[in-house]
N, C-alpha and C. Protein backbone atom coordinates (compact mmCIF):
# COMPACT_ATOMS: atom_id res chain seq x y z
N MET A 1 -109.88 -211.12 -43.40
CA MET A 1 -109.89 -211.60 -42.03
C MET A 1 -110.92 -212.71 -41.90
N ASP A 2 -110.49 -213.86 -41.45
CA ASP A 2 -111.40 -215.00 -41.28
C ASP A 2 -111.64 -215.20 -39.79
N GLU A 3 -112.66 -214.50 -39.27
CA GLU A 3 -112.97 -214.61 -37.85
C GLU A 3 -114.33 -215.26 -37.67
N THR A 4 -114.43 -216.16 -36.73
CA THR A 4 -115.71 -216.76 -36.40
C THR A 4 -116.36 -215.92 -35.31
N VAL A 5 -117.61 -215.57 -35.54
CA VAL A 5 -118.35 -214.76 -34.56
C VAL A 5 -118.70 -215.65 -33.38
N LEU A 6 -118.38 -215.19 -32.20
CA LEU A 6 -118.67 -215.93 -30.98
C LEU A 6 -120.03 -215.47 -30.46
N THR A 7 -121.02 -216.36 -30.55
CA THR A 7 -122.35 -216.03 -30.05
C THR A 7 -122.42 -216.34 -28.56
N LEU A 8 -123.43 -215.81 -27.93
CA LEU A 8 -123.60 -216.05 -26.49
C LEU A 8 -123.81 -217.54 -26.21
N GLY A 9 -124.57 -218.21 -27.08
CA GLY A 9 -124.80 -219.64 -26.89
C GLY A 9 -123.51 -220.45 -26.96
N ARG A 10 -122.67 -220.12 -27.93
CA ARG A 10 -121.38 -220.81 -28.05
C ARG A 10 -120.48 -220.49 -26.86
N ALA A 11 -120.48 -219.23 -26.45
CA ALA A 11 -119.63 -218.82 -25.33
C ALA A 11 -120.05 -219.50 -24.03
N LEU A 12 -121.35 -219.76 -23.87
CA LEU A 12 -121.83 -220.45 -22.67
C LEU A 12 -121.32 -221.89 -22.59
N LEU A 13 -121.02 -222.48 -23.75
CA LEU A 13 -120.58 -223.87 -23.80
C LEU A 13 -119.07 -224.03 -23.87
N LEU A 14 -118.34 -222.92 -23.86
CA LEU A 14 -116.88 -223.01 -23.87
C LEU A 14 -116.40 -223.70 -22.59
N PRO A 15 -115.42 -224.58 -22.70
CA PRO A 15 -114.94 -225.29 -21.50
C PRO A 15 -114.49 -224.34 -20.39
N GLN A 16 -113.83 -223.25 -20.74
CA GLN A 16 -113.38 -222.33 -19.70
C GLN A 16 -114.54 -221.62 -19.02
N THR A 17 -115.63 -221.37 -19.75
CA THR A 17 -116.81 -220.77 -19.14
C THR A 17 -117.48 -221.74 -18.17
N VAL A 18 -117.65 -222.98 -18.62
CA VAL A 18 -118.28 -224.00 -17.79
C VAL A 18 -117.44 -224.27 -16.54
N TRP A 19 -116.13 -224.37 -16.71
CA TRP A 19 -115.22 -224.67 -15.59
C TRP A 19 -115.24 -223.53 -14.57
N ARG A 20 -115.15 -222.29 -15.05
CA ARG A 20 -115.16 -221.14 -14.13
C ARG A 20 -116.48 -221.08 -13.37
N ALA A 21 -117.59 -221.25 -14.08
CA ALA A 21 -118.90 -221.18 -13.44
C ALA A 21 -119.09 -222.30 -12.42
N ALA A 22 -118.57 -223.49 -12.74
CA ALA A 22 -118.69 -224.62 -11.80
C ALA A 22 -117.90 -224.35 -10.52
N LYS A 23 -116.69 -223.81 -10.66
CA LYS A 23 -115.87 -223.51 -9.47
C LYS A 23 -116.53 -222.45 -8.60
N VAL A 24 -117.02 -221.39 -9.23
CA VAL A 24 -117.67 -220.31 -8.47
C VAL A 24 -118.95 -220.83 -7.82
N SER A 25 -119.71 -221.63 -8.56
CA SER A 25 -120.95 -222.17 -8.03
C SER A 25 -120.70 -223.07 -6.82
N LEU A 26 -119.66 -223.87 -6.90
CA LEU A 26 -119.33 -224.76 -5.78
C LEU A 26 -118.98 -223.95 -4.53
N LEU A 27 -118.17 -222.93 -4.69
CA LEU A 27 -117.76 -222.12 -3.55
C LEU A 27 -118.92 -221.28 -3.01
N ILE A 28 -119.52 -220.48 -3.87
CA ILE A 28 -120.58 -219.57 -3.43
C ILE A 28 -121.83 -220.33 -3.01
N GLY A 29 -122.18 -221.38 -3.76
CA GLY A 29 -123.34 -222.19 -3.40
C GLY A 29 -123.20 -222.83 -2.03
N THR A 30 -122.00 -223.34 -1.74
CA THR A 30 -121.77 -223.94 -0.42
C THR A 30 -121.90 -222.91 0.69
N LEU A 31 -121.32 -221.74 0.46
CA LEU A 31 -121.44 -220.68 1.47
C LEU A 31 -122.90 -220.27 1.67
N LEU A 32 -123.65 -220.15 0.58
CA LEU A 32 -125.06 -219.77 0.70
C LEU A 32 -125.90 -220.84 1.39
N VAL A 33 -125.61 -222.11 1.10
CA VAL A 33 -126.33 -223.19 1.79
C VAL A 33 -126.04 -223.11 3.29
N LEU A 34 -124.79 -222.90 3.65
CA LEU A 34 -124.45 -222.82 5.08
C LEU A 34 -125.11 -221.60 5.73
N ILE A 35 -125.14 -220.49 5.04
CA ILE A 35 -125.77 -219.28 5.60
C ILE A 35 -127.28 -219.45 5.72
N ASN A 36 -127.90 -219.92 4.64
CA ASN A 36 -129.37 -219.95 4.60
C ASN A 36 -129.98 -221.20 5.24
N GLN A 37 -129.29 -222.31 5.20
CA GLN A 37 -129.86 -223.57 5.68
C GLN A 37 -129.04 -224.19 6.81
N GLY A 38 -128.00 -223.50 7.25
CA GLY A 38 -127.10 -224.05 8.26
C GLY A 38 -127.77 -224.44 9.56
N ASP A 39 -128.71 -223.64 10.01
CA ASP A 39 -129.38 -223.96 11.26
C ASP A 39 -130.19 -225.24 11.15
N LEU A 40 -130.82 -225.47 10.01
CA LEU A 40 -131.56 -226.73 9.81
C LEU A 40 -130.61 -227.92 9.75
N ILE A 41 -129.52 -227.75 9.02
CA ILE A 41 -128.56 -228.84 8.87
C ILE A 41 -127.95 -229.20 10.22
N LEU A 42 -127.60 -228.19 11.02
CA LEU A 42 -127.04 -228.46 12.35
C LEU A 42 -128.07 -229.11 13.29
N ALA A 43 -129.34 -228.85 13.05
CA ALA A 43 -130.40 -229.46 13.86
C ALA A 43 -130.72 -230.88 13.38
N GLY A 44 -130.07 -231.31 12.30
CA GLY A 44 -130.29 -232.65 11.79
C GLY A 44 -131.43 -232.78 10.81
N VAL A 45 -131.98 -231.65 10.39
CA VAL A 45 -133.08 -231.64 9.42
C VAL A 45 -132.53 -231.15 8.09
N TRP A 46 -132.69 -231.96 7.05
CA TRP A 46 -132.20 -231.55 5.74
C TRP A 46 -133.25 -230.74 5.01
N PRO A 47 -132.85 -229.59 4.46
CA PRO A 47 -133.80 -228.78 3.70
C PRO A 47 -134.19 -229.48 2.41
N SER A 48 -135.18 -228.96 1.74
CA SER A 48 -135.64 -229.54 0.48
C SER A 48 -134.50 -229.56 -0.53
N LEU A 49 -134.45 -230.64 -1.30
CA LEU A 49 -133.40 -230.79 -2.30
C LEU A 49 -133.46 -229.67 -3.34
N TRP A 50 -134.67 -229.24 -3.71
CA TRP A 50 -134.78 -228.19 -4.72
C TRP A 50 -134.18 -226.88 -4.24
N LYS A 51 -134.25 -226.61 -2.93
CA LYS A 51 -133.66 -225.38 -2.40
C LYS A 51 -132.14 -225.43 -2.49
N ILE A 52 -131.58 -226.59 -2.20
CA ILE A 52 -130.12 -226.73 -2.28
C ILE A 52 -129.66 -226.64 -3.73
N LEU A 53 -130.36 -227.32 -4.64
CA LEU A 53 -129.98 -227.27 -6.05
C LEU A 53 -130.09 -225.86 -6.61
N LEU A 54 -131.15 -225.16 -6.25
CA LEU A 54 -131.32 -223.79 -6.71
C LEU A 54 -130.24 -222.87 -6.17
N THR A 55 -129.80 -223.13 -4.95
CA THR A 55 -128.74 -222.34 -4.33
C THR A 55 -127.43 -222.48 -5.11
N TYR A 56 -127.19 -223.63 -5.72
CA TYR A 56 -126.00 -223.82 -6.55
C TYR A 56 -126.23 -223.34 -7.99
N LEU A 57 -127.45 -223.45 -8.47
CA LEU A 57 -127.76 -223.10 -9.85
C LEU A 57 -127.68 -221.60 -10.11
N VAL A 58 -128.09 -220.80 -9.15
CA VAL A 58 -128.10 -219.34 -9.33
C VAL A 58 -126.68 -218.79 -9.53
N PRO A 59 -125.70 -219.10 -8.68
CA PRO A 59 -124.36 -218.58 -8.95
C PRO A 59 -123.76 -219.14 -10.24
N TYR A 60 -124.12 -220.38 -10.60
CA TYR A 60 -123.64 -220.95 -11.86
C TYR A 60 -124.17 -220.13 -13.03
N GLY A 61 -125.45 -219.81 -13.01
CA GLY A 61 -126.05 -219.04 -14.09
C GLY A 61 -125.48 -217.63 -14.21
N VAL A 62 -125.31 -216.98 -13.08
CA VAL A 62 -124.78 -215.62 -13.09
C VAL A 62 -123.34 -215.61 -13.60
N THR A 63 -122.53 -216.52 -13.11
CA THR A 63 -121.12 -216.57 -13.52
C THR A 63 -120.98 -216.95 -14.98
N SER A 64 -121.72 -217.95 -15.43
CA SER A 64 -121.59 -218.37 -16.82
C SER A 64 -122.07 -217.28 -17.76
N TYR A 65 -123.15 -216.57 -17.41
CA TYR A 65 -123.61 -215.48 -18.26
C TYR A 65 -122.57 -214.36 -18.32
N ALA A 66 -122.02 -213.98 -17.17
CA ALA A 66 -121.04 -212.90 -17.15
C ALA A 66 -119.79 -213.28 -17.95
N ALA A 67 -119.32 -214.50 -17.80
CA ALA A 67 -118.13 -214.93 -18.53
C ALA A 67 -118.41 -215.00 -20.03
N ALA A 68 -119.58 -215.51 -20.42
CA ALA A 68 -119.92 -215.62 -21.83
C ALA A 68 -120.12 -214.25 -22.46
N ALA A 69 -120.80 -213.35 -21.76
CA ALA A 69 -121.01 -212.01 -22.30
C ALA A 69 -119.69 -211.28 -22.47
N THR A 70 -118.78 -211.46 -21.52
CA THR A 70 -117.46 -210.85 -21.63
C THR A 70 -116.69 -211.43 -22.80
N ALA A 71 -116.76 -212.75 -22.97
CA ALA A 71 -116.07 -213.39 -24.09
C ALA A 71 -116.61 -212.90 -25.42
N CYS A 72 -117.90 -212.64 -25.51
CA CYS A 72 -118.50 -212.13 -26.75
C CYS A 72 -118.10 -210.68 -26.99
N ASP A 73 -117.94 -209.90 -25.94
CA ASP A 73 -117.62 -208.48 -26.08
C ASP A 73 -116.14 -208.24 -26.37
N LEU A 74 -115.26 -209.15 -25.97
CA LEU A 74 -113.83 -208.93 -26.13
C LEU A 74 -113.40 -208.71 -27.57
N PRO A 75 -113.80 -209.54 -28.53
CA PRO A 75 -113.36 -209.29 -29.91
C PRO A 75 -113.80 -207.92 -30.42
N ALA A 76 -115.01 -207.50 -30.10
CA ALA A 76 -115.50 -206.19 -30.55
C ALA A 76 -114.73 -205.07 -29.87
N ALA A 77 -114.43 -205.23 -28.60
CA ALA A 77 -113.68 -204.21 -27.88
C ALA A 77 -112.26 -204.10 -28.41
N ASN A 78 -111.64 -205.23 -28.72
CA ASN A 78 -110.28 -205.21 -29.25
C ASN A 78 -110.25 -204.61 -30.65
N ALA A 79 -111.28 -204.85 -31.45
CA ALA A 79 -111.32 -204.32 -32.81
C ALA A 79 -111.53 -202.82 -32.82
N SER A 80 -112.28 -202.29 -31.85
CA SER A 80 -112.57 -200.86 -31.85
C SER A 80 -111.59 -200.06 -31.01
N ALA A 81 -110.66 -200.72 -30.33
CA ALA A 81 -109.68 -200.02 -29.51
C ALA A 81 -108.71 -199.27 -30.41
N PRO A 82 -108.34 -198.06 -30.01
CA PRO A 82 -107.38 -197.30 -30.83
C PRO A 82 -106.02 -198.00 -30.83
N SER A 83 -105.38 -197.94 -31.95
CA SER A 83 -104.08 -198.58 -32.12
C SER A 83 -102.97 -197.59 -31.81
N ASP A 84 -101.92 -198.06 -31.16
CA ASP A 84 -100.77 -197.22 -30.86
C ASP A 84 -99.77 -197.20 -32.01
N GLU A 85 -99.97 -198.08 -32.99
CA GLU A 85 -99.03 -198.17 -34.10
C GLU A 85 -99.09 -196.90 -34.93
N GLY A 86 -97.94 -196.36 -35.24
CA GLY A 86 -97.85 -195.18 -36.07
C GLY A 86 -98.13 -193.89 -35.35
N ASP A 87 -98.43 -193.95 -34.07
CA ASP A 87 -98.69 -192.75 -33.29
C ASP A 87 -97.36 -192.19 -32.80
N VAL A 88 -97.03 -190.97 -33.21
CA VAL A 88 -95.73 -190.40 -32.90
C VAL A 88 -95.83 -189.31 -31.84
N SER A 89 -96.93 -189.21 -31.15
CA SER A 89 -97.09 -188.13 -30.20
C SER A 89 -96.38 -188.34 -28.93
């Protein structure tokens, strides 16, 4: 069997991991900015840029880690899953 081991670092850089994390970050980050900073924005005062960036960065980090960890665990889970082949019960 010639299988390449998927490390967490490699899984974090997979296009599907990055794309999923970016989509979730855009949606959740926007909602969090509106919830946490909406009153300031409606008053015409913009919050600190670092607060807005951090609000988008946190969901990106959580989503990318969860997707990468799942991608790393899938091959091991599939290899250890019981096989139905030859089972006559």
